[in-house]
Structure formats: structure tokens, C-alpha cells
Amino acid sequence: MRHLREANPDIALDELTWREALRQFQGKEGVEFVPDPEWRNKRTAAVAQTLSDTFGGEFKRKPEVFWL
């Protein structure tokens, strides 16, 4: 927030959404944000791999426990 105010003193930060402010901070305000339609599947696979690496066979033998 401080960086945005210093870089753009006339910017109305209270009128920006969090995402708009972040993109402004990143210098991407003129670039359209296009979400990755597969982000959820990719993230789910990464979390499942971490659980499998951490808990090994327990994760695979009792998936309903991990689901809860």
C-alpha cells in the first residue's frame, strides 16, 4: 500500500479491489487477468502428492479419513 501511494500519489486505493491493487503493485494493471481453468486440479494434485509423501500408505489405505 505504501509503495503504491509513493509511486502513484493520486491513486484512489480505497476504490481498488485487492486484486486490482496487487496487479497495480506488480505492474500488470494494463494486462488482462486470465485465470488458469486447471488451477484447482493442479493444486489438488500437488496437495495429494504432499499428503502421500508425508503419510505414505496411510493416506492410500484410508482416504475417507483424509477427506474428512
PDB file of N, CA and C in Angstrom:
ATOM      1  N   MET A   1       0.830  -1.176   0.000  1.00  0.00           N
ATOM      2  CA  MET A   1       0.000   0.000   0.000  1.00  0.00           C
ATOM      3  C   MET A   1       0.883   1.250   0.000  1.00  0.00           C
ATOM      4  N   ARG A   2       1.898   1.208   0.838  1.00  0.00           N
ATOM      5  CA  ARG A   2       2.812   2.359   0.907  1.00  0.00           C
ATOM      6  C   ARG A   2       3.500   2.552  -0.441  1.00  0.00           C
ATOM      7  N   HIS A   3       3.946   1.458  -1.030  1.00  0.00           N
ATOM      8  CA  HIS A   3       4.620   1.534  -2.335  1.00  0.00           C
ATOM      9  C   HIS A   3       3.692   2.134  -3.398  1.00  0.00           C
ATOM     10  N   LEU A   4       2.450   1.681  -3.422  1.00  0.00           N
ATOM     11  CA  LEU A   4       1.505   2.206  -4.407  1.00  0.00           C
ATOM     12  C   LEU A   4       1.258   3.695  -4.199  1.00  0.00           C
ATOM     13  N   ARG A   5       1.119   4.101  -2.949  1.00  0.00           N
ATOM     14  CA  ARG A   5       0.895   5.535  -2.671  1.00  0.00           C
ATOM     15  C   ARG A   5       2.101   6.368  -3.075  1.00  0.00           C
ATOM     16  N   GLU A   6       3.314   5.862  -2.793  1.00  0.00           N
ATOM     17  CA  GLU A   6       4.520   6.608  -3.142  1.00  0.00           C
ATOM     18  C   GLU A   6       4.716   6.670  -4.653  1.00  0.00           C
ATOM     19  N   ALA A   7       4.446   5.561  -5.337  1.00  0.00           N
ATOM     20  CA  ALA A   7       4.632   5.512  -6.786  1.00  0.00           C
ATOM     21  C   ALA A   7       3.536   6.260  -7.546  1.00  0.00           C
ATOM     22  N   ASN A   8       2.319   6.270  -6.988  1.00  0.00           N
ATOM     23  CA  ASN A   8       1.166   6.905  -7.643  1.00  0.00           C
ATOM     24  C   ASN A   8       0.384   7.709  -6.604  1.00  0.00           C
ATOM     25  N   PRO A   9       0.850   8.899  -6.264  1.00  0.00           N
ATOM     26  CA  PRO A   9       0.188   9.649  -5.185  1.00  0.00           C
ATOM     27  C   PRO A   9      -1.282   9.986  -5.443  1.00  0.00           C
ATOM     28  N   ASP A  10      -1.698  10.058  -6.704  1.00  0.00           N
ATOM     29  CA  ASP A  10      -3.090  10.403  -6.990  1.00  0.00           C
ATOM     30  C   ASP A  10      -3.987   9.179  -7.162  1.00  0.00           C
ATOM     31  N   ILE A  11      -3.498   7.994  -6.853  1.00  0.00           N
ATOM     32  CA  ILE A  11      -4.310   6.787  -6.984  1.00  0.00           C
ATOM     33  C   ILE A  11      -5.275   6.679  -5.798  1.00  0.00           C
ATOM     34  N   ALA A  12      -6.510   6.307  -6.072  1.00  0.00           N
ATOM     35  CA  ALA A  12      -7.531   6.149  -5.028  1.00  0.00           C
ATOM     36  C   ALA A  12      -7.551   4.683  -4.601  1.00  0.00           C
ATOM     37  N   LEU A  13      -6.710   4.337  -3.640  1.00  0.00           N
ATOM     38  CA  LEU A  13      -6.585   2.942  -3.217  1.00  0.00           C
ATOM     39  C   LEU A  13      -7.882   2.384  -2.647  1.00  0.00           C
ATOM     40  N   ASP A  14      -8.679   3.217  -2.014  1.00  0.00           N
ATOM     41  CA  ASP A  14      -9.930   2.734  -1.429  1.00  0.00           C
ATOM     42  C   ASP A  14     -10.963   2.356  -2.491  1.00  0.00           C
ATOM     43  N   GLU A  15     -10.700   2.688  -3.748  1.00  0.00           N
ATOM     44  CA  GLU A  15     -11.611   2.327  -4.831  1.00  0.00           C
ATOM     45  C   GLU A  15     -11.151   1.074  -5.580  1.00  0.00           C
ATOM     46  N   LEU A  16      -9.980   0.544  -5.218  1.00  0.00           N
ATOM     47  CA  LEU A  16      -9.461  -0.650  -5.881  1.00  0.00           C
ATOM     48  C   LEU A  16      -9.833  -1.900  -5.097  1.00  0.00           C
ATOM     49  N   THR A  17     -10.069  -2.991  -5.823  1.00  0.00           N
ATOM     50  CA  THR A  17     -10.215  -4.277  -5.146  1.00  0.00           C
ATOM     51  C   THR A  17      -8.809  -4.735  -4.767  1.00  0.00           C
ATOM     52  N   TRP A  18      -8.751  -5.764  -3.920  1.00  0.00           N
ATOM     53  CA  TRP A  18      -7.451  -6.286  -3.527  1.00  0.00           C
ATOM     54  C   TRP A  18      -6.678  -6.748  -4.758  1.00  0.00           C
ATOM     55  N   ARG A  19      -7.345  -7.469  -5.661  1.00  0.00           N
ATOM     56  CA  ARG A  19      -6.677  -7.971  -6.868  1.00  0.00           C
ATOM     57  C   ARG A  19      -6.191  -6.823  -7.739  1.00  0.00           C
ATOM     58  N   GLU A  20      -6.989  -5.781  -7.896  1.00  0.00           N
ATOM     59  CA  GLU A  20      -6.576  -4.631  -8.701  1.00  0.00           C
ATOM     60  C   GLU A  20      -5.349  -3.957  -8.093  1.00  0.00           C
ATOM     61  N   ALA A  21      -5.349  -3.813  -6.776  1.00  0.00           N
ATOM     62  CA  ALA A  21      -4.199  -3.201  -6.100  1.00  0.00           C
ATOM     63  C   ALA A  21      -2.950  -4.066  -6.265  1.00  0.00           C
ATOM     64  N   LEU A  22      -3.103  -5.373  -6.134  1.00  0.00           N
ATOM     65  CA  LEU A  22      -1.967  -6.286  -6.311  1.00  0.00           C
ATOM     66  C   LEU A  22      -1.417  -6.189  -7.726  1.00  0.00           C
ATOM     67  N   ARG A  23      -2.307  -6.201  -8.712  1.00  0.00           N
ATOM     68  CA  ARG A  23      -1.850  -6.118 -10.103  1.00  0.00           C
ATOM     69  C   ARG A  23      -1.199  -4.764 -10.385  1.00  0.00           C
ATOM     70  N   GLN A  24      -1.692  -3.721  -9.772  1.00  0.00           N
ATOM     71  CA  GLN A  24      -1.083  -2.396  -9.907  1.00  0.00           C
ATOM     72  C   GLN A  24       0.329  -2.435  -9.318  1.00  0.00           C
ATOM     73  N   PHE A  25       0.466  -3.036  -8.147  1.00  0.00           N
ATOM     74  CA  PHE A  25       1.760  -3.169  -7.482  1.00  0.00           C
ATOM     75  C   PHE A  25       2.732  -3.983  -8.336  1.00  0.00           C
ATOM     76  N   GLN A  26       2.242  -5.027  -8.990  1.00  0.00           N
ATOM     77  CA  GLN A  26       3.070  -5.899  -9.824  1.00  0.00           C
ATOM     78  C   GLN A  26       3.359  -5.283 -11.201  1.00  0.00           C
ATOM     79  N   GLY A  27       2.739  -4.154 -11.496  1.00  0.00           N
ATOM     80  CA  GLY A  27       2.934  -3.519 -12.788  1.00  0.00           C
ATOM     81  C   GLY A  27       2.147  -4.170 -13.902  1.00  0.00           C
ATOM     82  N   LYS A  28       1.076  -4.867 -13.556  1.00  0.00           N
ATOM     83  CA  LYS A  28       0.276  -5.588 -14.547  1.00  0.00           C
ATOM     84  C   LYS A  28      -1.106  -4.966 -14.734  1.00  0.00           C
ATOM     85  N   GLU A  29      -1.283  -3.717 -14.357  1.00  0.00           N
ATOM     86  CA  GLU A  29      -2.615  -3.121 -14.389  1.00  0.00           C
ATOM     87  C   GLU A  29      -3.207  -3.032 -15.788  1.00  0.00           C
ATOM     88  N   GLY A  30      -2.387  -2.981 -16.830  1.00  0.00           N
ATOM     89  CA  GLY A  30      -2.901  -2.896 -18.190  1.00  0.00           C
ATOM     90  C   GLY A  30      -3.079  -4.250 -18.858  1.00  0.00           C
ATOM     91  N   VAL A  31      -2.649  -5.300 -18.189  1.00  0.00           N
ATOM     92  CA  VAL A  31      -2.714  -6.650 -18.758  1.00  0.00           C
ATOM     93  C   VAL A  31      -3.930  -7.367 -18.190  1.00  0.00           C
ATOM     94  N   GLU A  32      -4.747  -7.908 -19.075  1.00  0.00           N
ATOM     95  CA  GLU A  32      -5.953  -8.602 -18.626  1.00  0.00           C
ATOM     96  C   GLU A  32      -5.590  -9.878 -17.872  1.00  0.00           C
ATOM     97  N   PHE A  33      -6.230 -10.098 -16.739  1.00  0.00           N
ATOM     98  CA  PHE A  33      -6.020 -11.306 -15.945  1.00  0.00           C
ATOM     99  C   PHE A  33      -6.840 -12.437 -16.547  1.00  0.00           C
ATOM    100  N   VAL A  34      -6.168 -13.524 -16.917  1.00  0.00           N
ATOM    101  CA  VAL A  34      -6.845 -14.696 -17.463  1.00  0.00           C
ATOM    102  C   VAL A  34      -6.547 -15.863 -16.531  1.00  0.00           C
ATOM    103  N   PRO A  35      -7.561 -16.305 -15.776  1.00  0.00           N
ATOM    104  CA  PRO A  35      -7.314 -17.403 -14.832  1.00  0.00           C
ATOM    105  C   PRO A  35      -7.055 -18.717 -15.554  1.00  0.00           C
ATOM    106  N   ASP A  36      -6.255 -19.554 -14.932  1.00  0.00           N
ATOM    107  CA  ASP A  36      -5.969 -20.885 -15.463  1.00  0.00           C
ATOM    108  C   ASP A  36      -7.136 -21.789 -15.096  1.00  0.00           C
ATOM    109  N   PRO A  37      -7.864 -22.319 -16.077  1.00  0.00           N
ATOM    110  CA  PRO A  37      -9.036 -23.153 -15.754  1.00  0.00           C
ATOM    111  C   PRO A  37      -8.659 -24.447 -15.036  1.00  0.00           C
ATOM    112  N   GLU A  38      -7.414 -24.843 -15.101  1.00  0.00           N
ATOM    113  CA  GLU A  38      -6.964 -26.082 -14.465  1.00  0.00           C
ATOM    114  C   GLU A  38      -6.296 -25.854 -13.123  1.00  0.00           C
ATOM    115  N   TRP A  39      -6.319 -24.610 -12.608  1.00  0.00           N
ATOM    116  CA  TRP A  39      -5.578 -24.318 -11.377  1.00  0.00           C
ATOM    117  C   TRP A  39      -6.026 -25.192 -10.221  1.00  0.00           C
ATOM    118  N   ARG A  40      -7.312 -25.444 -10.096  1.00  0.00           N
ATOM    119  CA  ARG A  40      -7.804 -26.244  -8.971  1.00  0.00           C
ATOM    120  C   ARG A  40      -7.311 -27.685  -9.063  1.00  0.00           C
ATOM    121  N   ASN A  41      -7.357 -28.261 -10.267  1.00  0.00           N
ATOM    122  CA  ASN A  41      -6.878 -29.631 -10.446  1.00  0.00           C
ATOM    123  C   ASN A  41      -5.381 -29.735 -10.179  1.00  0.00           C
ATOM    124  N   LYS A  42      -4.622 -28.748 -10.637  1.00  0.00           N
ATOM    125  CA  LYS A  42      -3.179 -28.744 -10.407  1.00  0.00           C
ATOM    126  C   LYS A  42      -2.865 -28.629  -8.922  1.00  0.00           C
ATOM    127  N   ARG A  43      -3.574 -27.744  -8.241  1.00  0.00           N
ATOM    128  CA  ARG A  43      -3.329 -27.541  -6.808  1.00  0.00           C
ATOM    129  C   ARG A  43      -3.737 -28.778  -6.013  1.00  0.00           C
ATOM    130  N   THR A  44      -4.864 -29.386  -6.391  1.00  0.00           N
ATOM    131  CA  THR A  44      -5.325 -30.604  -5.727  1.00  0.00           C
ATOM    132  C   THR A  44      -4.301 -31.718  -5.890  1.00  0.00           C
ATOM    133  N   ALA A  45      -3.757 -31.874  -7.083  1.00  0.00           N
ATOM    134  CA  ALA A  45      -2.750 -32.905  -7.328  1.00  0.00           C
ATOM    135  C   ALA A  45      -1.497 -32.648  -6.494  1.00  0.00           C
ATOM    136  N   ALA A  46      -1.094 -31.391  -6.365  1.00  0.00           N
ATOM    137  CA  ALA A  46       0.091 -31.058  -5.570  1.00  0.00           C
ATOM    138  C   ALA A  46      -0.134 -31.368  -4.086  1.00  0.00           C
ATOM    139  N   VAL A  47      -1.312 -31.033  -3.574  1.00  0.00           N
ATOM    140  CA  VAL A  47      -1.632 -31.319  -2.171  1.00  0.00           C
ATOM    141  C   VAL A  47      -1.707 -32.820  -1.945  1.00  0.00           C
ATOM    142  N   ALA A  48      -2.321 -33.556  -2.869  1.00  0.00           N
ATOM    143  CA  ALA A  48      -2.412 -35.013  -2.747  1.00  0.00           C
ATOM    144  C   ALA A  48      -1.022 -35.639  -2.735  1.00  0.00           C
ATOM    145  N   GLN A  49      -0.129 -35.127  -3.557  1.00  0.00           N
ATOM    146  CA  GLN A  49       1.245 -35.650  -3.593  1.00  0.00           C
ATOM    147  C   GLN A  49       1.959 -35.377  -2.277  1.00  0.00           C
ATOM    148  N   THR A  50       1.774 -34.193  -1.726  1.00  0.00           N
ATOM    149  CA  THR A  50       2.387 -33.859  -0.434  1.00  0.00           C
ATOM    150  C   THR A  50       1.859 -34.768   0.660  1.00  0.00           C
ATOM    151  N   LEU A  51       0.549 -34.992   0.683  1.00  0.00           N
ATOM    152  CA  LEU A  51      -0.036 -35.892   1.677  1.00  0.00           C
ATOM    153  C   LEU A  51       0.505 -37.308   1.513  1.00  0.00           C
ATOM    154  N   SER A  52       0.607 -37.748   0.278  1.00  0.00           N
ATOM    155  CA  SER A  52       1.113 -39.092   0.013  1.00  0.00           C
ATOM    156  C   SER A  52       2.572 -39.219   0.449  1.00  0.00           C
ATOM    157  N   ASP A  53       3.376 -38.205   0.155  1.00  0.00           N
ATOM    158  CA  ASP A  53       4.782 -38.215   0.560  1.00  0.00           C
ATOM    159  C   ASP A  53       4.920 -38.205   2.077  1.00  0.00           C
ATOM    160  N   THR A  54       4.032 -37.474   2.749  1.00  0.00           N
ATOM    161  CA  THR A  54       4.110 -37.332   4.196  1.00  0.00           C
ATOM    162  C   THR A  54       3.560 -38.541   4.932  1.00  0.00           C
ATOM    163  N   PHE A  55       2.398 -39.025   4.499  1.00  0.00           N
ATOM    164  CA  PHE A  55       1.715 -40.096   5.224  1.00  0.00           C
ATOM    165  C   PHE A  55       1.806 -41.458   4.545  1.00  0.00           C
ATOM    166  N   GLY A  56       2.338 -41.514   3.342  1.00  0.00           N
ATOM    167  CA  GLY A  56       2.562 -42.768   2.640  1.00  0.00           C
ATOM    168  C   GLY A  56       1.317 -43.615   2.487  1.00  0.00           C
ATOM    169  N   GLY A  57       1.444 -44.890   2.862  1.00  0.00           N
ATOM    170  CA  GLY A  57       0.367 -45.848   2.693  1.00  0.00           C
ATOM    171  C   GLY A  57      -0.887 -45.516   3.478  1.00  0.00           C
ATOM    172  N   GLU A  58      -0.734 -44.850   4.597  1.00  0.00           N
ATOM    173  CA  GLU A  58      -1.901 -44.476   5.421  1.00  0.00           C
ATOM    174  C   GLU A  58      -2.871 -43.617   4.616  1.00  0.00           C
ATOM    175  N   PHE A  59      -2.330 -42.731   3.848  1.00  0.00           N
ATOM    176  CA  PHE A  59      -3.139 -41.855   3.005  1.00  0.00           C
ATOM    177  C   PHE A  59      -3.928 -42.671   1.988  1.00  0.00           C
ATOM    178  N   LYS A  60      -3.299 -43.689   1.424  1.00  0.00           N
ATOM    179  CA  LYS A  60      -3.945 -44.506   0.394  1.00  0.00           C
ATOM    180  C   LYS A  60      -4.897 -45.541   0.994  1.00  0.00           C
ATOM    181  N   ARG A  61      -4.590 -46.043   2.190  1.00  0.00           N
ATOM    182  CA  ARG A  61      -5.437 -47.069   2.807  1.00  0.00           C
ATOM    183  C   ARG A  61      -6.721 -46.493   3.397  1.00  0.00           C
ATOM    184  N   LYS A  62      -6.677 -45.255   3.841  1.00  0.00           N
ATOM    185  CA  LYS A  62      -7.842 -44.654   4.500  1.00  0.00           C
ATOM    186  C   LYS A  62      -8.142 -43.268   3.917  1.00  0.00           C
ATOM    187  N   PRO A  63      -8.464 -43.204   2.629  1.00  0.00           N
ATOM    188  CA  PRO A  63      -8.692 -41.888   2.015  1.00  0.00           C
ATOM    189  C   PRO A  63      -9.878 -41.140   2.634  1.00  0.00           C
ATOM    190  N   GLU A  64     -10.867 -41.892   3.146  1.00  0.00           N
ATOM    191  CA  GLU A  64     -12.029 -41.202   3.740  1.00  0.00           C
ATOM    192  C   GLU A  64     -11.640 -40.413   4.983  1.00  0.00           C
ATOM    193  N   VAL A  65     -10.634 -40.865   5.699  1.00  0.00           N
ATOM    194  CA  VAL A  65     -10.156 -40.126   6.882  1.00  0.00           C
ATOM    195  C   VAL A  65      -9.534 -38.811   6.429  1.00  0.00           C
ATOM    196  N   PHE A  66      -8.733 -38.866   5.376  1.00  0.00           N
ATOM    197  CA  PHE A  66      -8.087 -37.655   4.875  1.00  0.00           C
ATOM    198  C   PHE A  66      -9.085 -36.716   4.208  1.00  0.00           C
ATOM    199  N   TRP A  67     -10.117 -37.286   3.619  1.00  0.00           N
ATOM    200  CA  TRP A  67     -11.161 -36.465   3.019  1.00  0.00           C
ATOM    201  C   TRP A  67     -11.843 -35.627   4.088  1.00  0.00           C
ATOM    202  N   LEU A  68     -12.138 -36.244   5.236  1.00  0.00           N
ATOM    203  CA  LEU A  68     -12.776 -35.506   6.323  1.00  0.00           C
ATOM    204  C   LEU A  68     -11.838 -34.457   6.863  1.00  0.00           C
TER     205      LEU A  68
END
